[in-house]
PDB file of N, CA and C in Angstrom:
ATOM      1  N   MET A   1      75.518 171.420 132.831  1.00  0.00           N
ATOM      2  CA  MET A   1      75.196 170.168 132.250  1.00  0.00           C
ATOM      3  C   MET A   1      74.709 170.395 130.818  1.00  0.00           C
ATOM      4  N   SER A   2      75.207 169.524 129.890  1.00  0.00           N
ATOM      5  CA  SER A   2      74.849 169.717 128.488  1.00  0.00           C
ATOM      6  C   SER A   2      73.538 168.997 128.183  1.00  0.00           C
ATOM      7  N   ALA A   3      72.883 169.508 127.181  1.00  0.00           N
ATOM      8  CA  ALA A   3      71.601 168.926 126.784  1.00  0.00           C
ATOM      9  C   ALA A   3      71.852 167.638 125.981  1.00  0.00           C
ATOM     10  N   LYS A   4      70.977 166.676 126.157  1.00  0.00           N
ATOM     11  CA  LYS A   4      71.090 165.405 125.457  1.00  0.00           C
ATOM     12  C   LYS A   4      70.721 165.595 123.991  1.00  0.00           C
ATOM     13  N   LYS A   5      71.586 165.036 123.080  1.00  0.00           N
ATOM     14  CA  LYS A   5      71.332 165.169 121.642  1.00  0.00           C
ATOM     15  C   LYS A   5      70.167 164.263 121.249  1.00  0.00           C
ATOM     16  N   PRO A   6      69.344 164.716 120.309  1.00  0.00           N
ATOM     17  CA  PRO A   6      68.228 163.885 119.875  1.00  0.00           C
ATOM     18  C   PRO A   6      68.734 162.680 119.066  1.00  0.00           C
ATOM     19  N   THR A   7      68.001 161.570 119.095  1.00  0.00           N
ATOM     20  CA  THR A   7      68.363 160.352 118.368  1.00  0.00           C
ATOM     21  C   THR A   7      68.163 160.591 116.872  1.00  0.00           C
ATOM     22  N   ASN A   8      69.158 160.201 116.095  1.00  0.00           N
ATOM     23  CA  ASN A   8      69.107 160.373 114.646  1.00  0.00           C
ATOM     24  C   ASN A   8      68.493 159.110 114.026  1.00  0.00           C
ATOM     25  N   TYR A   9      67.166 159.121 113.900  1.00  0.00           N
ATOM     26  CA  TYR A   9      66.446 157.950 113.397  1.00  0.00           C
ATOM     27  C   TYR A   9      66.778 157.660 111.934  1.00  0.00           C
ATOM     28  N   LYS A  10      67.058 158.684 111.163  1.00  0.00           N
ATOM     29  CA  LYS A  10      67.387 158.498 109.756  1.00  0.00           C
ATOM     30  C   LYS A  10      68.697 157.707 109.622  1.00  0.00           C
ATOM     31  N   LEU A  11      69.682 158.042 110.447  1.00  0.00           N
ATOM     32  CA  LEU A  11      70.966 157.322 110.434  1.00  0.00           C
ATOM     33  C   LEU A  11      70.764 155.861 110.839  1.00  0.00           C
ATOM     34  N   TRP A  12      69.958 155.614 111.874  1.00  0.00           N
ATOM     35  CA  TRP A  12      69.698 154.246 112.326  1.00  0.00           C
ATOM     36  C   TRP A  12      68.990 153.438 111.245  1.00  0.00           C
ATOM     37  N   ALA A  13      68.055 154.048 110.551  1.00  0.00           N
ATOM     38  CA  ALA A  13      67.326 153.360 109.486  1.00  0.00           C
ATOM     39  C   ALA A  13      68.282 152.984 108.356  1.00  0.00           C
ATOM     40  N   LYS A  14      69.166 153.918 107.967  1.00  0.00           N
ATOM     41  CA  LYS A  14      70.130 153.626 106.914  1.00  0.00           C
ATOM     42  C   LYS A  14      71.061 152.480 107.331  1.00  0.00           C
ATOM     43  N   MET A  15      71.481 152.473 108.565  1.00  0.00           N
ATOM     44  CA  MET A  15      72.375 151.415 109.050  1.00  0.00           C
ATOM     45  C   MET A  15      71.674 150.059 109.057  1.00  0.00           C
ATOM     46  N   LEU A  16      70.429 150.023 109.502  1.00  0.00           N
ATOM     47  CA  LEU A  16      69.678 148.762 109.518  1.00  0.00           C
ATOM     48  C   LEU A  16      69.440 148.236 108.098  1.00  0.00           C
ATOM     49  N   VAL A  17      69.071 149.124 107.167  1.00  0.00           N
ATOM     50  CA  VAL A  17      68.854 148.704 105.781  1.00  0.00           C
ATOM     51  C   VAL A  17      70.162 148.212 105.174  1.00  0.00           C
ATOM     52  N   GLY A  18      71.247 148.951 105.401  1.00  0.00           N
ATOM     53  CA  GLY A  18      72.553 148.535 104.872  1.00  0.00           C
ATOM     54  C   GLY A  18      72.989 147.190 105.445  1.00  0.00           C
ATOM     55  N   GLY A  19      72.804 146.971 106.734  1.00  0.00           N
ATOM     56  CA  GLY A  19      73.157 145.693 107.357  1.00  0.00           C
ATOM     57  C   GLY A  19      72.330 144.547 106.806  1.00  0.00           C
ATOM     58  N   ALA A  20      71.022 144.809 106.621  1.00  0.00           N
ATOM     59  CA  ALA A  20      70.143 143.769 106.076  1.00  0.00           C
ATOM     60  C   ALA A  20      70.550 143.420 104.650  1.00  0.00           C
ATOM     61  N   ILE A  21      70.900 144.434 103.863  1.00  0.00           N
ATOM     62  CA  ILE A  21      71.333 144.170 102.482  1.00  0.00           C
ATOM     63  C   ILE A  21      72.596 143.320 102.477  1.00  0.00           C
ATOM     64  N   MET A  22      73.535 143.626 103.368  1.00  0.00           N
ATOM     65  CA  MET A  22      74.781 142.845 103.406  1.00  0.00           C
ATOM     66  C   MET A  22      74.552 141.425 103.928  1.00  0.00           C
ATOM     67  N   CYS A  23      73.730 141.297 104.973  1.00  0.00           N
ATOM     68  CA  CYS A  23      73.511 139.973 105.577  1.00  0.00           C
ATOM     69  C   CYS A  23      72.667 139.061 104.698  1.00  0.00           C
ATOM     70  N   VAL A  24      71.726 139.605 103.963  1.00  0.00           N
ATOM     71  CA  VAL A  24      70.855 138.796 103.123  1.00  0.00           C
ATOM     72  C   VAL A  24      71.349 138.800 101.677  1.00  0.00           C
ATOM     73  N   GLY A  25      71.740 139.958 101.189  1.00  0.00           N
ATOM     74  CA  GLY A  25      72.148 140.094  99.790  1.00  0.00           C
ATOM     75  C   GLY A  25      73.446 139.381  99.464  1.00  0.00           C
ATOM     76  N   GLY A  26      74.405 139.367 100.385  1.00  0.00           N
ATOM     77  CA  GLY A  26      75.686 138.706 100.128  1.00  0.00           C
ATOM     78  C   GLY A  26      75.529 137.218  99.859  1.00  0.00           C
ATOM     79  N   PRO A  27      74.893 136.483 100.772  1.00  0.00           N
ATOM     80  CA  PRO A  27      74.679 135.059 100.491  1.00  0.00           C
ATOM     81  C   PRO A  27      73.811 134.812  99.260  1.00  0.00           C
ATOM     82  N   MET A  28      72.804 135.661  99.015  1.00  0.00           N
ATOM     83  CA  MET A  28      71.968 135.489  97.827  1.00  0.00           C
ATOM     84  C   MET A  28      72.792 135.682  96.560  1.00  0.00           C
ATOM     85  N   LEU A  29      73.696 136.659  96.564  1.00  0.00           N
ATOM     86  CA  LEU A  29      74.556 136.888  95.409  1.00  0.00           C
ATOM     87  C   LEU A  29      75.479 135.689  95.194  1.00  0.00           C
ATOM     88  N   THR A  30      76.002 135.135  96.272  1.00  0.00           N
ATOM     89  CA  THR A  30      76.880 133.969  96.172  1.00  0.00           C
ATOM     90  C   THR A  30      76.131 132.788  95.562  1.00  0.00           C
ATOM     91  N   VAL A  31      74.910 132.546  96.015  1.00  0.00           N
ATOM     92  CA  VAL A  31      74.105 131.438  95.480  1.00  0.00           C
ATOM     93  C   VAL A  31      73.786 131.684  94.014  1.00  0.00           C
ATOM     94  N   TYR A  32      73.511 132.927  93.639  1.00  0.00           N
ATOM     95  CA  TYR A  32      73.168 133.260  92.263  1.00  0.00           C
ATOM     96  C   TYR A  32      74.368 133.074  91.334  1.00  0.00           C
ATOM     97  N   VAL A  33      75.558 133.442  91.790  1.00  0.00           N
ATOM     98  CA  VAL A  33      76.760 133.404  90.956  1.00  0.00           C
ATOM     99  C   VAL A  33      77.359 132.001  90.875  1.00  0.00           C
ATOM    100  N   MET A  34      77.231 131.204  91.930  1.00  0.00           N
ATOM    101  CA  MET A  34      77.865 129.881  91.979  1.00  0.00           C
ATOM    102  C   MET A  34      77.134 128.915  91.035  1.00  0.00           C
ATOM    103  N   PRO A  35      77.896 128.214  90.162  1.00  0.00           N
ATOM    104  CA  PRO A  35      77.239 127.283  89.237  1.00  0.00           C
ATOM    105  C   PRO A  35      76.787 126.015  89.956  1.00  0.00           C
ATOM    106  N   THR A  36      75.762 125.373  89.409  1.00  0.00           N
ATOM    107  CA  THR A  36      75.278 124.116  89.979  1.00  0.00           C
ATOM    108  C   THR A  36      76.186 122.977  89.521  1.00  0.00           C
ATOM    109  N   ASP A  37      75.997 121.805  90.119  1.00  0.00           N
ATOM    110  CA  ASP A  37      76.798 120.648  89.737  1.00  0.00           C
ATOM    111  C   ASP A  37      76.575 120.277  88.270  1.00  0.00           C
ATOM    112  N   GLU A  38      75.358 120.387  87.799  1.00  0.00           N
ATOM    113  CA  GLU A  38      75.052 120.047  86.410  1.00  0.00           C
ATOM    114  C   GLU A  38      75.756 121.005  85.452  1.00  0.00           C
ATOM    115  N   GLU A  39      75.759 122.305  85.802  1.00  0.00           N
ATOM    116  CA  GLU A  39      76.433 123.284  84.943  1.00  0.00           C
ATOM    117  C   GLU A  39      77.941 123.014  84.895  1.00  0.00           C
ATOM    118  N   LEU A  40      78.523 122.667  86.042  1.00  0.00           N
ATOM    119  CA  LEU A  40      79.946 122.333  86.051  1.00  0.00           C
ATOM    120  C   LEU A  40      80.215 121.093  85.205  1.00  0.00           C
ATOM    121  N   PHE A  41      79.359 120.092  85.315  1.00  0.00           N
ATOM    122  CA  PHE A  41      79.529 118.862  84.554  1.00  0.00           C
ATOM    123  C   PHE A  41      79.450 119.141  83.053  1.00  0.00           C
ATOM    124  N   GLN A  42      78.551 120.027  82.647  1.00  0.00           N
ATOM    125  CA  GLN A  42      78.411 120.348  81.228  1.00  0.00           C
ATOM    126  C   GLN A  42      79.639 121.094  80.698  1.00  0.00           C
ATOM    127  N   ARG A  43      80.386 121.765  81.571  1.00  0.00           N
ATOM    128  CA  ARG A  43      81.597 122.478  81.149  1.00  0.00           C
ATOM    129  C   ARG A  43      82.793 121.549  80.982  1.00  0.00           C
ATOM    130  N   TYR A  44      82.699 120.315  81.503  1.00  0.00           N
ATOM    131  CA  TYR A  44      83.780 119.340  81.318  1.00  0.00           C
ATOM    132  C   TYR A  44      83.927 119.038  79.835  1.00  0.00           C
ATOM    133  N   ASN A  45      85.143 118.647  79.442  1.00  0.00           N
ATOM    134  CA  ASN A  45      85.264 118.162  78.069  1.00  0.00           C
ATOM    135  C   ASN A  45      84.669 116.745  78.020  1.00  0.00           C
ATOM    136  N   PRO A  46      84.312 116.251  76.833  1.00  0.00           N
ATOM    137  CA  PRO A  46      83.611 114.953  76.739  1.00  0.00           C
ATOM    138  C   PRO A  46      84.377 113.791  77.374  1.00  0.00           C
ATOM    139  N   GLU A  47      85.698 113.811  77.290  1.00  0.00           N
ATOM    140  CA  GLU A  47      86.476 112.718  77.878  1.00  0.00           C
ATOM    141  C   GLU A  47      86.318 112.694  79.402  1.00  0.00           C
ATOM    142  N   LEU A  48      86.379 113.871  80.023  1.00  0.00           N
ATOM    143  CA  LEU A  48      86.194 113.940  81.482  1.00  0.00           C
ATOM    144  C   LEU A  48      84.775 113.553  81.876  1.00  0.00           C
ATOM    145  N   GLN A  49      83.797 113.947  81.082  1.00  0.00           N
ATOM    146  CA  GLN A  49      82.417 113.559  81.373  1.00  0.00           C
ATOM    147  C   GLN A  49      82.276 112.041  81.343  1.00  0.00           C
ATOM    148  N   LYS A  50      82.881 111.405  80.341  1.00  0.00           N
ATOM    149  CA  LYS A  50      82.791 109.958  80.216  1.00  0.00           C
ATOM    150  C   LYS A  50      83.444 109.280  81.418  1.00  0.00           C
ATOM    151  N   ARG A  51      84.656 109.745  81.801  1.00  0.00           N
ATOM    152  CA  ARG A  51      85.348 109.153  82.950  1.00  0.00           C
ATOM    153  C   ARG A  51      84.559 109.359  84.236  1.00  0.00           C
ATOM    154  N   SER A  52      83.987 110.551  84.372  1.00  0.00           N
ATOM    155  CA  SER A  52      83.205 110.843  85.573  1.00  0.00           C
ATOM    156  C   SER A  52      81.991 109.931  85.669  1.00  0.00           C
ATOM    157  N   LEU A  53      81.315 109.713  84.567  1.00  0.00           N
ATOM    158  CA  LEU A  53      80.148 108.832  84.577  1.00  0.00           C
ATOM    159  C   LEU A  53      80.541 107.387  84.852  1.00  0.00           C
ATOM    160  N   GLU A  54      81.707 106.960  84.330  1.00  0.00           N
ATOM    161  CA  GLU A  54      82.156 105.586  84.560  1.00  0.00           C
ATOM    162  C   GLU A  54      82.484 105.341  86.023  1.00  0.00           C
ATOM    163  N   ARG A  55      83.052 106.341  86.689  1.00  0.00           N
ATOM    164  CA  ARG A  55      83.486 106.160  88.070  1.00  0.00           C
ATOM    165  C   ARG A  55      82.434 106.564  89.096  1.00  0.00           C
ATOM    166  N   ARG A  56      81.294 107.044  88.638  1.00  0.00           N
ATOM    167  CA  ARG A  56      80.269 107.539  89.562  1.00  0.00           C
ATOM    168  C   ARG A  56      79.814 106.469  90.545  1.00  0.00           C
ATOM    169  N   GLU A  57      79.504 105.276  90.058  1.00  0.00           N
ATOM    170  CA  GLU A  57      79.035 104.202  90.941  1.00  0.00           C
ATOM    171  C   GLU A  57      80.121 103.784  91.924  1.00  0.00           C
ATOM    172  N   GLU A  58      81.352 103.740  91.436  1.00  0.00           N
ATOM    173  CA  GLU A  58      82.473 103.366  92.308  1.00  0.00           C
ATOM    174  C   GLU A  58      82.646 104.386  93.440  1.00  0.00           C
ATOM    175  N   ARG A  59      82.601 105.666  93.086  1.00  0.00           N
ATOM    176  CA  ARG A  59      82.736 106.709  94.105  1.00  0.00           C
ATOM    177  C   ARG A  59      81.574 106.679  95.090  1.00  0.00           C
ATOM    178  N   GLN A  60      80.367 106.424  94.580  1.00  0.00           N
ATOM    179  CA  GLN A  60      79.204 106.348  95.457  1.00  0.00           C
ATOM    180  C   GLN A  60      79.331 105.180  96.414  1.00  0.00           C
ATOM    181  N   ALA A  61      79.826 104.041  95.919  1.00  0.00           N
ATOM    182  CA  ALA A  61      80.015 102.866  96.781  1.00  0.00           C
ATOM    183  C   ALA A  61      81.082 103.148  97.842  1.00  0.00           C
ATOM    184  N   GLU A  62      82.171 103.818  97.445  1.00  0.00           N
ATOM    185  CA  GLU A  62      83.211 104.176  98.413  1.00  0.00           C
ATOM    186  C   GLU A  62      82.654 105.102  99.494  1.00  0.00           C
ATOM    187  N   PHE A  63      81.845 106.071  99.074  1.00  0.00           N
ATOM    188  CA  PHE A  63      81.262 107.001 100.034  1.00  0.00           C
ATOM    189  C   PHE A  63      80.330 106.278 100.994  1.00  0.00           C
ATOM    190  N   ASN A  64      79.499 105.381 100.463  1.00  0.00           N
ATOM    191  CA  ASN A  64      78.577 104.627 101.317  1.00  0.00           C
ATOM    192  C   ASN A  64      79.344 103.755 102.306  1.00  0.00           C
ATOM    193  N   GLU A  65      80.420 103.132 101.845  1.00  0.00           N
ATOM    194  CA  GLU A  65      81.253 102.311 102.727  1.00  0.00           C
ATOM    195  C   GLU A  65      81.883 103.172 103.827  1.00  0.00           C
ATOM    196  N   TRP A  66      82.379 104.350 103.448  1.00  0.00           N
ATOM    197  CA  TRP A  66      82.979 105.258 104.420  1.00  0.00           C
ATOM    198  C   TRP A  66      81.933 105.703 105.449  1.00  0.00           C
ATOM    199  N   LEU A  67      80.722 105.993 104.980  1.00  0.00           N
ATOM    200  CA  LEU A  67      79.657 106.438 105.869  1.00  0.00           C
ATOM    201  C   LEU A  67      79.251 105.331 106.841  1.00  0.00           C
ATOM    202  N   GLN A  68      79.128 104.108 106.346  1.00  0.00           N
ATOM    203  CA  GLN A  68      78.791 102.978 107.217  1.00  0.00           C
ATOM    204  C   GLN A  68      79.889 102.758 108.252  1.00  0.00           C
ATOM    205  N   ASN A  69      81.136 102.882 107.823  1.00  0.00           N
ATOM    206  CA  ASN A  69      82.264 102.736 108.732  1.00  0.00           C
ATOM    207  C   ASN A  69      82.221 103.820 109.815  1.00  0.00           C
ATOM    208  N   LEU A  70      81.916 105.045 109.404  1.00  0.00           N
ATOM    209  CA  LEU A  70      81.835 106.159 110.357  1.00  0.00           C
ATOM    210  C   LEU A  70      80.702 105.936 111.355  1.00  0.00           C
ATOM    211  N   LYS A  71      79.567 105.450 110.900  1.00  0.00           N
ATOM    212  CA  LYS A  71      78.438 105.162 111.796  1.00  0.00           C
ATOM    213  C   LYS A  71      78.810 104.071 112.791  1.00  0.00           C
ATOM    214  N   ARG A  72      79.498 103.037 112.288  1.00  0.00           N
ATOM    215  CA  ARG A  72      79.910 101.942 113.168  1.00  0.00           C
ATOM    216  C   ARG A  72      80.905 102.445 114.216  1.00  0.00           C
ATOM    217  N   GLN A  73      81.838 103.291 113.786  1.00  0.00           N
ATOM    218  CA  GLN A  73      82.838 103.810 114.717  1.00  0.00           C
ATOM    219  C   GLN A  73      82.218 104.735 115.752  1.00  0.00           C
ATOM    220  N   SER A  74      81.170 105.434 115.387  1.00  0.00           N
ATOM    221  CA  SER A  74      80.557 106.371 116.323  1.00  0.00           C
ATOM    222  C   SER A  74      79.738 105.658 117.398  1.00  0.00           C
ATOM    223  N   GLN A  75      79.491 104.362 117.258  1.00  0.00           N
ATOM    224  CA  GLN A  75      78.749 103.605 118.259  1.00  0.00           C
ATOM    225  C   GLN A  75      79.566 103.412 119.531  1.00  0.00           C
ATOM    226  N   SER A  76      80.886 103.500 119.434  1.00  0.00           N
ATOM    227  CA  SER A  76      81.762 103.267 120.573  1.00  0.00           C
ATOM    228  C   SER A  76      81.655 104.413 121.587  1.00  0.00           C
ATOM    229  N   ASN A  77      82.020 104.114 122.832  1.00  0.00           N
ATOM    230  CA  ASN A  77      82.037 105.150 123.865  1.00  0.00           C
ATOM    231  C   ASN A  77      83.283 106.017 123.774  1.00  0.00           C
ATOM    232  N   LYS A  78      84.277 105.538 123.046  1.00  0.00           N
ATOM    233  CA  LYS A  78      85.525 106.291 122.888  1.00  0.00           C
ATOM    234  C   LYS A  78      85.329 107.401 121.865  1.00  0.00           C
ATOM    235  N   PRO A  79      86.212 108.421 121.905  1.00  0.00           N
ATOM    236  CA  PRO A  79      86.163 109.438 120.845  1.00  0.00           C
ATOM    237  C   PRO A  79      86.444 108.792 119.483  1.00  0.00           C
ATOM    238  N   ILE A  80      85.817 109.328 118.456  1.00  0.00           N
ATOM    239  CA  ILE A  80      85.896 108.691 117.136  1.00  0.00           C
ATOM    240  C   ILE A  80      87.318 108.679 116.603  1.00  0.00           C
ATOM    241  N   TRP A  81      88.114 109.732 116.895  1.00  0.00           N
ATOM    242  CA  TRP A  81      89.485 109.753 116.394  1.00  0.00           C
ATOM    243  C   TRP A  81      90.326 108.656 117.037  1.00  0.00           C
ATOM    244  N   THR A  82      90.010 108.301 118.276  1.00  0.00           N
ATOM    245  CA  THR A  82      90.725 107.211 118.944  1.00  0.00           C
ATOM    246  C   THR A  82      90.364 105.879 118.296  1.00  0.00           C
ATOM    247  N   VAL A  83      89.084 105.683 118.018  1.00  0.00           N
ATOM    248  CA  VAL A  83      88.633 104.451 117.375  1.00  0.00           C
ATOM    249  C   VAL A  83      89.253 104.329 115.990  1.00  0.00           C
ATOM    250  N   GLN A  84      89.291 105.430 115.237  1.00  0.00           N
ATOM    251  CA  GLN A  84      89.884 105.410 113.902  1.00  0.00           C
ATOM    252  C   GLN A  84      91.371 105.091 113.969  1.00  0.00           C
ATOM    253  N   LYS A  85      92.047 105.668 114.948  1.00  0.00           N
ATOM    254  CA  LYS A  85      93.484 105.416 115.107  1.00  0.00           C
ATOM    255  C   LYS A  85      93.728 103.941 115.441  1.00  0.00           C
ATOM    256  N   GLU A  86      92.928 103.376 116.335  1.00  0.00           N
ATOM    257  CA  GLU A  86      93.076 101.965 116.699  1.00  0.00           C
ATOM    258  C   GLU A  86      92.818 101.062 115.493  1.00  0.00           C
ATOM    259  N   GLU A  87      91.780 101.375 114.707  1.00  0.00           N
ATOM    260  CA  GLU A  87      91.481 100.561 113.539  1.00  0.00           C
ATOM    261  C   GLU A  87      92.568 100.680 112.480  1.00  0.00           C
ATOM    262  N   ALA A  88      93.132 101.871 112.326  1.00  0.00           N
ATOM    263  CA  ALA A  88      94.220 102.045 111.361  1.00  0.00           C
ATOM    264  C   ALA A  88      95.438 101.234 111.796  1.00  0.00           C
ATOM    265  N   GLU A  89      95.718 101.229 113.090  1.00  0.00           N
ATOM    266  CA  GLU A  89      96.850 100.441 113.599  1.00  0.00           C
ATOM    267  C   GLU A  89      96.589  98.947 113.415  1.00  0.00           C
ATOM    268  N   ALA A  90      95.376  98.508 113.675  1.00  0.00           N
ATOM    269  CA  ALA A  90      95.035  97.090 113.483  1.00  0.00           C
ATOM    270  C   ALA A  90      95.154  96.709 112.011  1.00  0.00           C
ATOM    271  N   ALA A  91      94.717  97.592 111.116  1.00  0.00           N
ATOM    272  CA  ALA A  91      94.828  97.318 109.680  1.00  0.00           C
ATOM    273  C   ALA A  91      96.293  97.259 109.260  1.00  0.00           C
ATOM    274  N   ARG A  92      97.110  98.144 109.817  1.00  0.00           N
ATOM    275  CA  ARG A  92      98.536  98.142 109.500  1.00  0.00           C
ATOM    276  C   ARG A  92      99.184  96.849 109.974  1.00  0.00           C
ATOM    277  N   GLN A  93      98.829  96.403 111.176  1.00  0.00           N
ATOM    278  CA  GLN A  93      99.376  95.150 111.706  1.00  0.00           C
ATOM    279  C   GLN A  93      98.934  93.956 110.848  1.00  0.00           C
ATOM    280  N   ALA A  94      97.680  93.953 110.427  1.00  0.00           N
ATOM    281  CA  ALA A  94      97.184  92.866 109.584  1.00  0.00           C
ATOM    282  C   ALA A  94      97.915  92.840 108.248  1.00  0.00           C
ATOM    283  N   LYS A  95      98.154  94.013 107.692  1.00  0.00           N
ATOM    284  CA  LYS A  95      98.879  94.087 106.423  1.00  0.00           C
ATOM    285  C   LYS A  95     100.313  93.602 106.600  1.00  0.00           C
ATOM    286  N   LEU A  96     100.937  93.957 107.703  1.00  0.00           N
ATOM    287  CA  LEU A  96     102.293  93.506 107.996  1.00  0.00           C
ATOM    288  C   LEU A  96     102.333  91.990 108.147  1.00  0.00           C
ATOM    289  N   GLN A  97     101.364  91.426 108.862  1.00  0.00           N
ATOM    290  CA  GLN A  97     101.298  89.978 109.023  1.00  0.00           C
ATOM    291  C   GLN A  97     101.109  89.282 107.669  1.00  0.00           C
ATOM    292  N   GLU A  98     100.258  89.860 106.824  1.00  0.00           N
ATOM    293  CA  GLU A  98     100.029  89.286 105.492  1.00  0.00           C
ATOM    294  C   GLU A  98     101.307  89.334 104.664  1.00  0.00           C
ATOM    295  N   THR A  99     102.044  90.423 104.749  1.00  0.00           N
ATOM    296  CA  THR A  99     103.311  90.549 104.024  1.00  0.00           C
ATOM    297  C   THR A  99     104.307  89.506 104.503  1.00  0.00           C
ATOM    298  N   LEU A 100     104.397  89.321 105.818  1.00  0.00           N
ATOM    299  CA  LEU A 100     105.308  88.308 106.363  1.00  0.00           C
ATOM    300  C   LEU A 100     104.894  86.904 105.922  1.00  0.00           C
ATOM    301  N   ARG A 101     103.597  86.636 105.917  1.00  0.00           N
ATOM    302  CA  ARG A 101     103.108  85.325 105.491  1.00  0.00           C
ATOM    303  C   ARG A 101     103.452  85.071 104.029  1.00  0.00           C
ATOM    304  N   LEU A 102     103.265  86.098 103.185  1.00  0.00           N
ATOM    305  CA  LEU A 102     103.589  85.944 101.766  1.00  0.00           C
ATOM    306  C   LEU A 102     105.090  85.744 101.559  1.00  0.00           C
ATOM    307  N   ALA A 103     105.905  86.430 102.360  1.00  0.00           N
ATOM    308  CA  ALA A 103     107.356  86.263 102.255  1.00  0.00           C
ATOM    309  C   ALA A 103     107.747  84.847 102.645  1.00  0.00           C
ATOM    310  N   GLU A 104     107.125  84.311 103.702  1.00  0.00           N
ATOM    311  CA  GLU A 104     107.422  82.937 104.115  1.00  0.00           C
ATOM    312  C   GLU A 104     106.992  81.939 103.037  1.00  0.00           C
ATOM    313  N   GLU A 105     105.817  82.180 102.426  1.00  0.00           N
ATOM    314  CA  GLU A 105     105.362  81.300 101.355  1.00  0.00           C
ATOM    315  C   GLU A 105     106.320  81.341 100.175  1.00  0.00           C
ATOM    316  N   ALA A 106     106.807  82.524  99.827  1.00  0.00           N
ATOM    317  CA  ALA A 106     107.745  82.656  98.711  1.00  0.00           C
ATOM    318  C   ALA A 106     109.049  81.943  99.034  1.00  0.00           C
ATOM    319  N   LYS A 107     109.495  82.074 100.267  1.00  0.00           N
ATOM    320  CA  LYS A 107     110.734  81.399 100.676  1.00  0.00           C
ATOM    321  C   LYS A 107     110.556  79.885 100.614  1.00  0.00           C
ATOM    322  N   ALA A 108     109.437  79.386 101.091  1.00  0.00           N
ATOM    323  CA  ALA A 108     109.173  77.947 101.047  1.00  0.00           C
ATOM    324  C   ALA A 108     109.078  77.472  99.595  1.00  0.00           C
ATOM    325  N   GLN A 109     108.478  78.265  98.745  1.00  0.00           N
ATOM    326  CA  GLN A 109     108.365  77.902  97.336  1.00  0.00           C
ATOM    327  C   GLN A 109     109.748  77.871  96.686  1.00  0.00           C
ATOM    328  N   ARG A 110     110.604  78.841  96.996  1.00  0.00           N
ATOM    329  CA  ARG A 110     111.972  78.841  96.463  1.00  0.00           C
ATOM    330  C   ARG A 110     112.729  77.598  96.913  1.00  0.00           C
ATOM    331  N   GLU A 111     112.577  77.265  98.197  1.00  0.00           N
ATOM    332  CA  GLU A 111     113.261  76.078  98.729  1.00  0.00           C
ATOM    333  C   GLU A 111     112.764  74.812  98.041  1.00  0.00           C
ATOM    334  N   ALA A 112     111.458  74.726  97.821  1.00  0.00           N
ATOM    335  CA  ALA A 112     110.897  73.553  97.144  1.00  0.00           C
ATOM    336  C   ALA A 112     111.424  73.459  95.714  1.00  0.00           C
ATOM    337  N   MET A 113     111.523  74.613  95.043  1.00  0.00           N
ATOM    338  CA  MET A 113     112.030  74.618  93.676  1.00  0.00           C
ATOM    339  C   MET A 113     113.505  74.207  93.643  1.00  0.00           C
ATOM    340  N   ARG A 114     114.279  74.693  94.623  1.00  0.00           N
ATOM    341  CA  ARG A 114     115.700  74.319  94.689  1.00  0.00           C
ATOM    342  C   ARG A 114     115.836  72.816  94.944  1.00  0.00           C
ATOM    343  N   LYS A 115     115.008  72.307  95.834  1.00  0.00           N
ATOM    344  CA  LYS A 115     115.047  70.877  96.166  1.00  0.00           C
ATOM    345  C   LYS A 115     114.665  70.044  94.943  1.00  0.00           C
ATOM    346  N   GLU A 116     113.631  70.505  94.228  1.00  0.00           N
ATOM    347  CA  GLU A 116     113.164  69.813  93.046  1.00  0.00           C
ATOM    348  C   GLU A 116     114.223  69.805  91.942  1.00  0.00           C
ATOM    349  N   ALA A 117     114.979  70.906  91.859  1.00  0.00           N
ATOM    350  CA  ALA A 117     116.009  71.014  90.838  1.00  0.00           C
ATOM    351  C   ALA A 117     117.283  70.267  91.233  1.00  0.00           C
ATOM    352  N   GLY A 118     117.350  69.819  92.463  1.00  0.00           N
ATOM    353  CA  GLY A 118     118.509  69.078  92.925  1.00  0.00           C
ATOM    354  C   GLY A 118     119.628  69.971  93.417  1.00  0.00           C
ATOM    355  N   LEU A 119     119.331  71.218  93.716  1.00  0.00           N
ATOM    356  CA  LEU A 119     120.339  72.146  94.237  1.00  0.00           C
ATOM    357  C   LEU A 119     120.368  72.053  95.765  1.00  0.00           C
ATOM    358  N   SER A 120     121.487  72.465  96.310  1.00  0.00           N
ATOM    359  CA  SER A 120     121.600  72.455  97.754  1.00  0.00           C
ATOM    360  C   SER A 120     120.734  73.560  98.337  1.00  0.00           C
ATOM    361  N   PRO A 121     120.296  73.386  99.574  1.00  0.00           N
ATOM    362  CA  PRO A 121     119.477  74.437 100.212  1.00  0.00           C
ATOM    363  C   PRO A 121     120.254  75.745 100.274  1.00  0.00           C
ATOM    364  N   GLU A 122     119.515  76.821 100.201  1.00  0.00           N
ATOM    365  CA  GLU A 122     120.125  78.161 100.216  1.00  0.00           C
ATOM    366  C   GLU A 122     120.805  78.375 101.563  1.00  0.00           C
ATOM    367  N   VAL A 123     122.052  78.817 101.519  1.00  0.00           N
ATOM    368  CA  VAL A 123     122.796  79.099 102.741  1.00  0.00           C
ATOM    369  C   VAL A 123     122.900  80.591 102.874  1.00  0.00           C
ATOM    370  N   SER A 124     122.414  81.099 104.007  1.00  0.00           N
ATOM    371  CA  SER A 124     122.499  82.532 104.211  1.00  0.00           C
ATOM    372  C   SER A 124     123.883  82.875 104.734  1.00  0.00           C
ATOM    373  N   THR A 125     124.446  83.925 104.189  1.00  0.00           N
ATOM    374  CA  THR A 125     125.792  84.351 104.600  1.00  0.00           C
ATOM    375  C   THR A 125     125.656  85.683 105.302  1.00  0.00           C
ATOM    376  N   LYS A 126     125.334  85.647 106.562  1.00  0.00           N
ATOM    377  CA  LYS A 126     125.231  86.865 107.357  1.00  0.00           C
ATOM    378  C   LYS A 126     126.533  87.034 108.114  1.00  0.00           C
ATOM    379  N   SER A 127     127.099  88.193 108.036  1.00  0.00           N
ATOM    380  CA  SER A 127     128.349  88.456 108.742  1.00  0.00           C
ATOM    381  C   SER A 127     128.120  89.415 109.869  1.00  0.00           C
TER     382      SER A 127
END
């Protein structure tokens, strides 16, 4: 039977220190190197800065609306992706109905204009 080798404490210490440096030092280096939002904004050219400032309130309002919508959707017992899919389908149907309504209004307006001008009603020639 062979004798048990002694534990190499120096090797274990080096490994623990190296692991700690990688686990703590890596994220710290990333935070140190990454620029802040203000620094990025200052690097924009003046035209982009002006546009960004003009649209800031609009983007914030869009984000708040999206967040409120997400909170409302999460109140349901259904999965959120199902609720979002149903709402998207309902919005698509509403848009389709609005398009059809506008087309009917335009057709009625054309007919009224033809009648007013004394022309015969439009005859569709479907073959």
